[in-house]
Amino acid sequence: MNEEIDPAPPESEGEVQFEGALRPKSLGEFVGQSKVREQLVLLLDAAKKENRTPDHILLSGPPGLGKTTLAMIVAEETQQSLRITSGPAINHAGDLAAVLSSLVPGEVLFIDEIHRMARPAEEMLYLAMEDFRIDIMVGKGAGATTLPLDLAPFTLVGATTRSGLLPGPLRDRFGFTAHLEFYSEVELTEVVKRSSAVLGLTWPTEALGEIASRSRGTPRIANRLLRRVRDYVLVHDTAPDVDSVQAALLLYDVDELGLDRLDRAVLDTLIRKFAGGPVGLGTLSVSVGEEAETIESVVEPFLVRQGFIQRTPRGRQATPAAYAHLGHEAPSRNDL
């Protein structure tokens, strides 16, 4: 399979090689998301039997759960090349037209963060997805004409972390939509086991399970923590056991539940500066010195899922569980 990346993500070469080495290459190797995998197998097998391009696919869910990996697997399973771009990179309809017109028959086009595409490009995509055709405007003013351009049949795989921001007409044109869920600790342990085997590490299951338990239900975080622990074991020349995992993650400010420095800063600010809240998102982001979008999309989903924060009409509010986790005495229920 020839993979064309357009454009390259802003990551170091080492990170790209590391992530690439750990990505499963088939649905059989992919750990977790069992329902989505079964549905994709059915979709791809049906397309193969009928010798047609698979329906367009929309993958939604929090970052790090495998949307990009699944797009690569779709291309691999259909034995087609993969073109990768992102919503923010498509600023004009002309940007999208250039990508679409260069696709070869059967190619898989992956658009990450598809909800961030420019509106004119979204509207061009409607016709491309349905009829494999786009209309190019030639000229300006009264003399402008529309030139239809036929496209090669292709499969669009869109990924989004904010499915609610997708316009209805675009969402409806996907033949298959799937929402990726956070992983259980058991599934994450399997992810870390597979990654450690790929990296040639023979570590005890207990140590890998300790990494999985602190990975916030996210395979990307699990693989990142595995790499950090590997570095710690290498530099300190220690055994890769539970004690080494705990010592390494303590160094990197990851506690036993997976909360990192920013998570605890948000909770501590809520409790110490604002008596547990409620506090507006803007005020909270200024207080911790972080962008509001980061708080809302990265920090809050995990803290809400852990039961540490409540979203109320008046703002964010810390729960008794948050007080207990940080070692503070919670106010009486009537005060919350």
Protein backbone atom coordinates (compact mmCIF):
# COMPACT_ATOMS: atom_id res chain seq x y z
CA MET A 1 0.00 0.00 0.00
CA ASN A 2 1.34 3.42 -0.95
CA GLU A 3 0.66 5.98 1.72
CA GLU A 4 0.55 9.65 0.79
CA ILE A 5 0.51 12.11 3.68
CA ASP A 6 -0.76 15.58 2.95
CA PRO A 7 0.51 17.41 4.94
CA ALA A 8 2.83 15.80 7.51
CA PRO A 9 1.78 16.23 11.17
CA PRO A 10 4.00 18.45 13.35
CA GLU A 11 5.66 15.63 15.26
CA SER A 12 9.27 14.65 15.69
CA GLU A 13 10.61 11.88 13.47
CA GLY A 14 11.16 9.66 16.51
CA GLU A 15 7.56 10.06 17.66
CA VAL A 16 6.23 9.27 14.19
CA GLN A 17 8.36 6.13 13.94
CA PHE A 18 7.34 5.07 17.44
CA GLU A 19 3.62 5.53 16.83
CA GLY A 20 3.88 3.91 13.41
CA ALA A 21 5.59 0.84 14.81
CA LEU A 22 2.83 0.30 17.36
CA ARG A 23 -0.14 0.81 15.03
CA PRO A 24 -1.97 -2.44 14.19
CA LYS A 25 -2.08 -3.18 10.50
CA SER A 26 -5.38 -5.08 10.36
CA LEU A 27 -8.73 -5.26 12.13
CA GLY A 28 -7.66 -8.60 13.57
CA GLU A 29 -4.73 -6.95 15.35
CA PHE A 30 -6.77 -3.97 16.54
CA VAL A 31 -7.52 -4.22 20.27
CA GLY A 32 -10.82 -2.96 21.70
CA GLN A 33 -13.84 -1.31 20.03
CA SER A 34 -15.22 -4.78 19.29
CA LYS A 35 -18.59 -3.57 17.99
CA VAL A 36 -17.00 -1.06 15.62
CA ARG A 37 -14.57 -3.70 14.36
CA GLU A 38 -17.40 -6.13 13.62
CA GLN A 39 -19.30 -3.45 11.74
CA LEU A 40 -16.24 -2.44 9.71
CA VAL A 41 -15.50 -6.07 8.81
CA LEU A 42 -19.04 -6.43 7.47
CA LEU A 43 -18.85 -3.17 5.52
CA LEU A 44 -15.47 -3.94 3.94
CA ASP A 45 -16.29 -7.57 3.14
CA ALA A 46 -19.55 -6.58 1.45
CA ALA A 47 -17.74 -4.01 -0.69
CA LYS A 48 -15.09 -6.57 -1.61
CA LYS A 49 -17.70 -9.14 -2.68
CA GLU A 50 -19.44 -6.58 -4.89
CA ASN A 51 -16.14 -5.20 -6.22
CA ARG A 52 -17.01 -1.60 -5.27
CA THR A 53 -15.53 1.10 -3.11
CA PRO A 54 -16.72 0.93 0.53
CA ASP A 55 -19.20 3.49 1.81
CA HIS A 56 -17.89 6.68 3.37
CA ILE A 57 -17.02 6.27 7.04
CA LEU A 58 -17.30 8.75 9.92
CA LEU A 59 -15.39 8.02 13.12
CA SER A 60 -16.06 10.15 16.18
CA GLY A 61 -14.77 10.10 19.73
CA PRO A 62 -12.16 11.59 22.05
CA PRO A 63 -8.53 11.89 20.91
CA GLY A 64 -6.22 8.90 21.05
CA LEU A 65 -8.74 6.08 20.67
CA GLY A 66 -7.65 4.89 17.21
CA LYS A 67 -9.50 6.90 14.56
CA THR A 68 -6.38 7.48 12.44
CA THR A 69 -5.33 3.86 12.91
CA LEU A 70 -8.71 2.62 11.71
CA ALA A 71 -8.47 4.82 8.62
CA MET A 72 -5.09 3.28 7.82
CA ILE A 73 -6.54 -0.19 8.38
CA VAL A 74 -9.42 0.53 5.98
CA ALA A 75 -6.87 1.37 3.28
CA GLU A 76 -4.81 -1.70 4.15
CA GLU A 77 -7.82 -4.05 4.15
CA THR A 78 -9.02 -2.73 0.77
CA GLN A 79 -5.46 -2.78 -0.61
CA GLN A 80 -5.73 0.85 -1.68
CA SER A 81 -3.48 3.85 -1.18
CA LEU A 82 -4.24 6.33 1.57
CA ARG A 83 -4.33 10.12 1.32
CA ILE A 84 -4.22 11.96 4.66
CA THR A 85 -5.15 15.58 5.29
CA SER A 86 -6.94 17.54 8.02
CA GLY A 87 -9.85 19.91 8.31
CA PRO A 88 -7.77 22.95 9.38
CA ALA A 89 -5.56 22.48 6.28
CA ILE A 90 -8.56 22.89 3.98
CA ASN A 91 -9.15 26.64 4.16
CA HIS A 92 -10.82 27.08 0.77
CA ALA A 93 -12.90 25.04 -1.65
CA GLY A 94 -9.93 25.13 -4.01
CA ASP A 95 -7.80 23.26 -1.46
CA LEU A 96 -10.33 20.44 -1.37
CA ALA A 97 -10.76 20.44 -5.15
CA ALA A 98 -7.01 19.96 -5.59
CA VAL A 99 -7.06 16.93 -3.28
CA LEU A 100 -10.19 15.36 -4.75
CA SER A 101 -9.15 15.80 -8.39
CA SER A 102 -5.85 14.00 -7.76
CA LEU A 103 -7.40 10.87 -6.21
CA VAL A 104 -7.03 7.59 -8.08
CA PRO A 105 -9.90 5.08 -8.33
CA GLY A 106 -10.59 3.33 -5.02
CA GLU A 107 -8.26 5.55 -2.99
CA VAL A 108 -9.06 6.21 0.68
CA LEU A 109 -9.13 9.87 1.70
CA PHE A 110 -8.76 10.48 5.43
CA ILE A 111 -9.74 13.92 6.76
CA ASP A 112 -8.87 14.35 10.42
CA GLU A 113 -10.83 16.89 12.48
CA ILE A 114 -13.26 17.12 9.59
CA HIS A 115 -15.55 19.45 11.55
CA ARG A 116 -12.92 22.20 11.18
CA MET A 117 -13.12 22.41 7.39
CA ALA A 118 -14.07 25.73 5.80
CA ARG A 119 -17.78 25.97 5.00
CA PRO A 120 -17.34 26.35 1.20
CA ALA A 121 -15.23 23.18 1.20
CA GLU A 122 -17.91 21.34 3.18
CA GLU A 123 -20.51 22.27 0.59
CA MET A 124 -18.23 21.06 -2.22
CA LEU A 125 -17.77 17.79 -0.37
CA TYR A 126 -21.53 17.08 -0.38
CA LEU A 127 -21.61 16.58 -4.15
CA ALA A 128 -18.27 14.78 -4.21
CA MET A 129 -19.43 12.20 -1.67
CA GLU A 130 -22.78 11.53 -3.36
CA ASP A 131 -22.02 11.74 -7.08
CA PHE A 132 -18.21 11.70 -7.26
CA ARG A 133 -18.34 15.06 -8.97
CA ILE A 134 -17.49 18.65 -8.13
CA ASP A 135 -18.40 21.93 -9.79
CA ILE A 136 -15.56 24.36 -10.48
CA MET A 137 -16.38 28.05 -10.87
CA VAL A 138 -14.57 29.60 -13.85
CA GLY A 139 -14.42 33.38 -14.13
CA LYS A 140 -16.02 36.05 -11.97
CA GLY A 141 -19.13 38.16 -11.94
CA ALA A 142 -21.80 37.88 -14.62
CA GLY A 143 -19.50 35.93 -16.92
CA ALA A 144 -18.75 33.18 -14.40
CA THR A 145 -19.60 29.64 -15.46
CA THR A 146 -19.68 26.31 -13.67
CA LEU A 147 -17.46 23.53 -15.00
CA PRO A 148 -18.40 20.02 -13.79
CA LEU A 149 -15.47 17.73 -13.02
CA ASP A 150 -15.92 13.99 -12.58
CA LEU A 151 -13.96 12.32 -9.79
CA ALA A 152 -12.62 8.82 -9.41
CA PRO A 153 -14.68 6.72 -6.96
CA PHE A 154 -13.13 7.02 -3.50
CA THR A 155 -13.86 6.26 0.13
CA LEU A 156 -13.85 9.17 2.56
CA VAL A 157 -12.95 8.43 6.17
CA GLY A 158 -13.70 11.42 8.36
CA ALA A 159 -12.59 11.72 11.98
CA THR A 160 -13.89 14.17 14.53
CA THR A 161 -13.62 14.79 18.24
CA ARG A 162 -16.65 17.13 18.10
CA SER A 163 -19.36 15.34 16.13
CA GLY A 164 -21.93 17.88 17.29
CA LEU A 165 -20.16 20.55 15.21
CA LEU A 166 -20.65 18.62 11.95
CA PRO A 167 -23.47 20.04 9.82
CA GLY A 168 -26.35 17.63 9.32
CA PRO A 169 -26.07 17.44 5.52
CA LEU A 170 -22.44 16.33 5.80
CA ARG A 171 -23.10 13.79 8.54
CA ASP A 172 -25.99 12.28 6.58
CA ARG A 173 -23.78 11.56 3.57
CA PHE A 174 -21.65 9.05 5.46
CA GLY A 175 -22.80 5.50 4.87
CA PHE A 176 -21.39 4.31 8.19
CA THR A 177 -20.85 6.25 11.41
CA ALA A 178 -19.19 4.94 14.54
CA HIS A 179 -18.43 6.40 17.94
CA LEU A 180 -15.28 5.13 19.63
CA GLU A 181 -15.56 4.59 23.38
CA PHE A 182 -12.90 4.84 26.07
CA TYR A 183 -11.09 1.56 26.74
CA SER A 184 -11.49 -0.57 29.82
CA GLU A 185 -8.45 -1.36 31.96
CA VAL A 186 -8.48 -4.95 30.66
CA GLU A 187 -8.44 -3.75 27.04
CA LEU A 188 -5.68 -1.25 27.78
CA THR A 189 -3.60 -3.99 29.37
CA GLU A 190 -3.90 -5.92 26.09
CA VAL A 191 -2.86 -2.79 24.18
CA VAL A 192 0.22 -2.35 26.36
CA LYS A 193 1.07 -6.07 26.10
CA ARG A 194 0.95 -5.88 22.32
CA SER A 195 3.03 -2.68 22.27
CA SER A 196 5.64 -4.11 24.62
CA ALA A 197 5.93 -7.20 22.43
CA VAL A 198 6.41 -5.01 19.33
CA LEU A 199 9.15 -3.10 21.17
CA GLY A 200 10.81 -6.34 22.27
CA LEU A 201 10.09 -5.82 25.98
CA THR A 202 9.43 -8.81 28.22
CA TRP A 203 7.80 -7.18 31.21
CA PRO A 204 5.61 -8.80 33.88
CA THR A 205 1.85 -8.47 33.41
CA GLU A 206 1.51 -6.65 36.74
CA ALA A 207 3.78 -3.83 35.57
CA LEU A 208 1.93 -3.50 32.27
CA GLY A 209 -1.38 -3.51 34.14
CA GLU A 210 -0.13 -0.67 36.34
CA ILE A 211 0.59 1.39 33.22
CA ALA A 212 -2.84 0.55 31.80
CA SER A 213 -4.61 1.61 35.01
CA ARG A 214 -3.13 5.11 34.70
CA SER A 215 -3.81 5.61 31.00
CA ARG A 216 -7.21 7.37 31.20
CA GLY A 217 -8.90 4.78 28.98
CA THR A 218 -6.80 5.92 26.00
CA PRO A 219 -4.38 3.71 24.01
CA ARG A 220 -2.29 6.68 22.85
CA ILE A 221 -1.63 7.65 26.47
CA ALA A 222 -0.92 4.02 27.38
CA ASN A 223 1.75 3.78 24.67
CA ARG A 224 3.23 7.12 25.70
CA LEU A 225 3.49 6.04 29.35
CA LEU A 226 5.01 2.73 28.27
CA ARG A 227 7.75 4.63 26.48
CA ARG A 228 8.41 6.87 29.49
CA VAL A 229 8.65 3.88 31.83
CA ARG A 230 10.95 2.14 29.36
CA ASP A 231 13.23 5.19 29.45
CA TYR A 232 13.21 5.19 33.25
CA VAL A 233 14.09 1.48 33.46
CA LEU A 234 16.85 1.95 30.88
CA VAL A 235 18.47 4.97 32.53
CA HIS A 236 18.18 3.74 36.13
CA ASP A 237 19.04 0.13 35.20
CA THR A 238 16.18 -1.24 37.32
CA ALA A 239 13.86 -4.19 36.94
CA PRO A 240 10.70 -3.47 34.94
CA ASP A 241 8.36 -4.18 37.86
CA VAL A 242 5.44 -2.38 39.49
CA ASP A 243 7.77 -0.34 41.71
CA SER A 244 9.65 0.96 38.67
CA VAL A 245 6.39 1.88 36.95
CA GLN A 246 5.18 3.77 40.01
CA ALA A 247 8.50 5.57 40.42
CA ALA A 248 8.64 6.56 36.75
CA LEU A 249 5.09 7.86 36.63
CA LEU A 250 5.57 9.72 39.90
CA LEU A 251 8.46 11.50 38.21
CA TYR A 252 6.17 12.46 35.32
CA ASP A 253 3.36 13.65 37.64
CA VAL A 254 0.92 10.88 36.72
CA ASP A 255 -0.92 9.66 39.81
CA GLU A 256 -2.58 6.33 40.52
CA LEU A 257 -5.80 7.31 38.72
CA GLY A 258 -4.03 8.82 35.71
CA LEU A 259 -4.46 12.48 36.67
CA ASP A 260 -1.56 14.64 35.52
CA ARG A 261 -0.33 18.06 36.57
CA LEU A 262 -2.98 19.98 34.63
CA ASP A 263 -5.83 17.81 35.91
CA ARG A 264 -4.81 18.39 39.52
CA ALA A 265 -4.25 22.09 38.86
CA VAL A 266 -7.84 22.43 37.64
CA LEU A 267 -9.22 20.58 40.64
CA ASP A 268 -6.97 22.42 43.08
CA THR A 269 -7.99 25.78 41.59
CA LEU A 270 -11.66 24.89 41.84
CA ILE A 271 -11.31 23.86 45.47
CA ARG A 272 -8.80 26.38 46.84
CA LYS A 273 -9.58 29.55 44.90
CA PHE A 274 -13.29 29.14 44.25
CA ALA A 275 -14.47 26.98 47.18
CA GLY A 276 -15.42 24.16 44.84
CA GLY A 277 -17.31 26.31 42.36
CA PRO A 278 -19.36 26.72 40.33
CA VAL A 279 -16.90 28.58 38.09
CA GLY A 280 -17.20 29.59 34.43
CA LEU A 281 -14.88 27.95 31.90
CA GLY A 282 -13.23 31.25 30.96
CA THR A 283 -12.43 32.14 34.56
CA LEU A 284 -11.13 28.65 35.25
CA SER A 285 -8.85 28.63 32.19
CA VAL A 286 -7.34 32.02 33.11
CA SER A 287 -6.75 30.86 36.68
CA VAL A 288 -4.76 27.78 35.62
CA GLY A 289 -3.03 29.53 32.71
CA GLU A 290 -4.35 27.23 30.00
CA GLU A 291 -6.53 27.69 26.93
CA ALA A 292 -10.26 27.21 27.50
CA GLU A 293 -10.43 24.75 24.57
CA THR A 294 -7.75 22.58 26.20
CA ILE A 295 -9.63 22.54 29.49
CA GLU A 296 -12.91 21.69 27.77
CA SER A 297 -11.70 19.06 25.30
CA VAL A 298 -8.72 17.44 27.08
CA VAL A 299 -9.12 17.83 30.84
CA GLU A 300 -12.84 17.96 31.51
CA PRO A 301 -13.99 14.75 29.77
CA PHE A 302 -11.72 12.64 31.97
CA LEU A 303 -12.51 14.50 35.18
CA VAL A 304 -16.25 14.30 34.51
CA ARG A 305 -15.97 10.59 33.73
CA GLN A 306 -14.08 10.05 36.98
CA GLY A 307 -16.77 11.92 38.91
CA PHE A 308 -14.46 14.75 39.99
CA ILE A 309 -16.25 17.61 38.20
CA GLN A 310 -19.86 18.43 37.47
CA ARG A 311 -20.97 20.69 34.65
CA THR A 312 -23.80 22.88 35.88
CA PRO A 313 -25.67 25.80 34.26
CA ARG A 314 -23.63 28.13 36.47
CA GLY A 315 -20.25 26.59 35.66
CA ARG A 316 -17.86 23.82 36.70
CA GLN A 317 -18.14 22.43 40.22
CA ALA A 318 -15.88 20.07 42.18
CA THR A 319 -17.46 16.95 43.68
CA PRO A 320 -16.75 15.36 47.08
CA ALA A 321 -14.66 12.75 45.25
CA ALA A 322 -12.35 15.53 44.01
CA TYR A 323 -11.90 16.82 47.55
CA ALA A 324 -11.09 13.32 48.78
CA HIS A 325 -8.60 12.64 45.98
CA LEU A 326 -6.64 15.81 46.74
CA GLY A 327 -6.82 15.22 50.48
CA HIS A 328 -9.20 18.07 51.29
CA GLU A 329 -12.28 17.95 53.49
CA ALA A 330 -15.41 18.41 51.44
CA PRO A 331 -18.01 20.95 52.57
CA SER A 332 -21.40 19.69 53.66
CA ARG A 333 -23.78 18.63 50.91
CA ASN A 334 -25.95 21.70 51.50
CA ASP A 335 -22.97 23.92 50.65
CA LEU A 336 -22.15 22.20 47.35
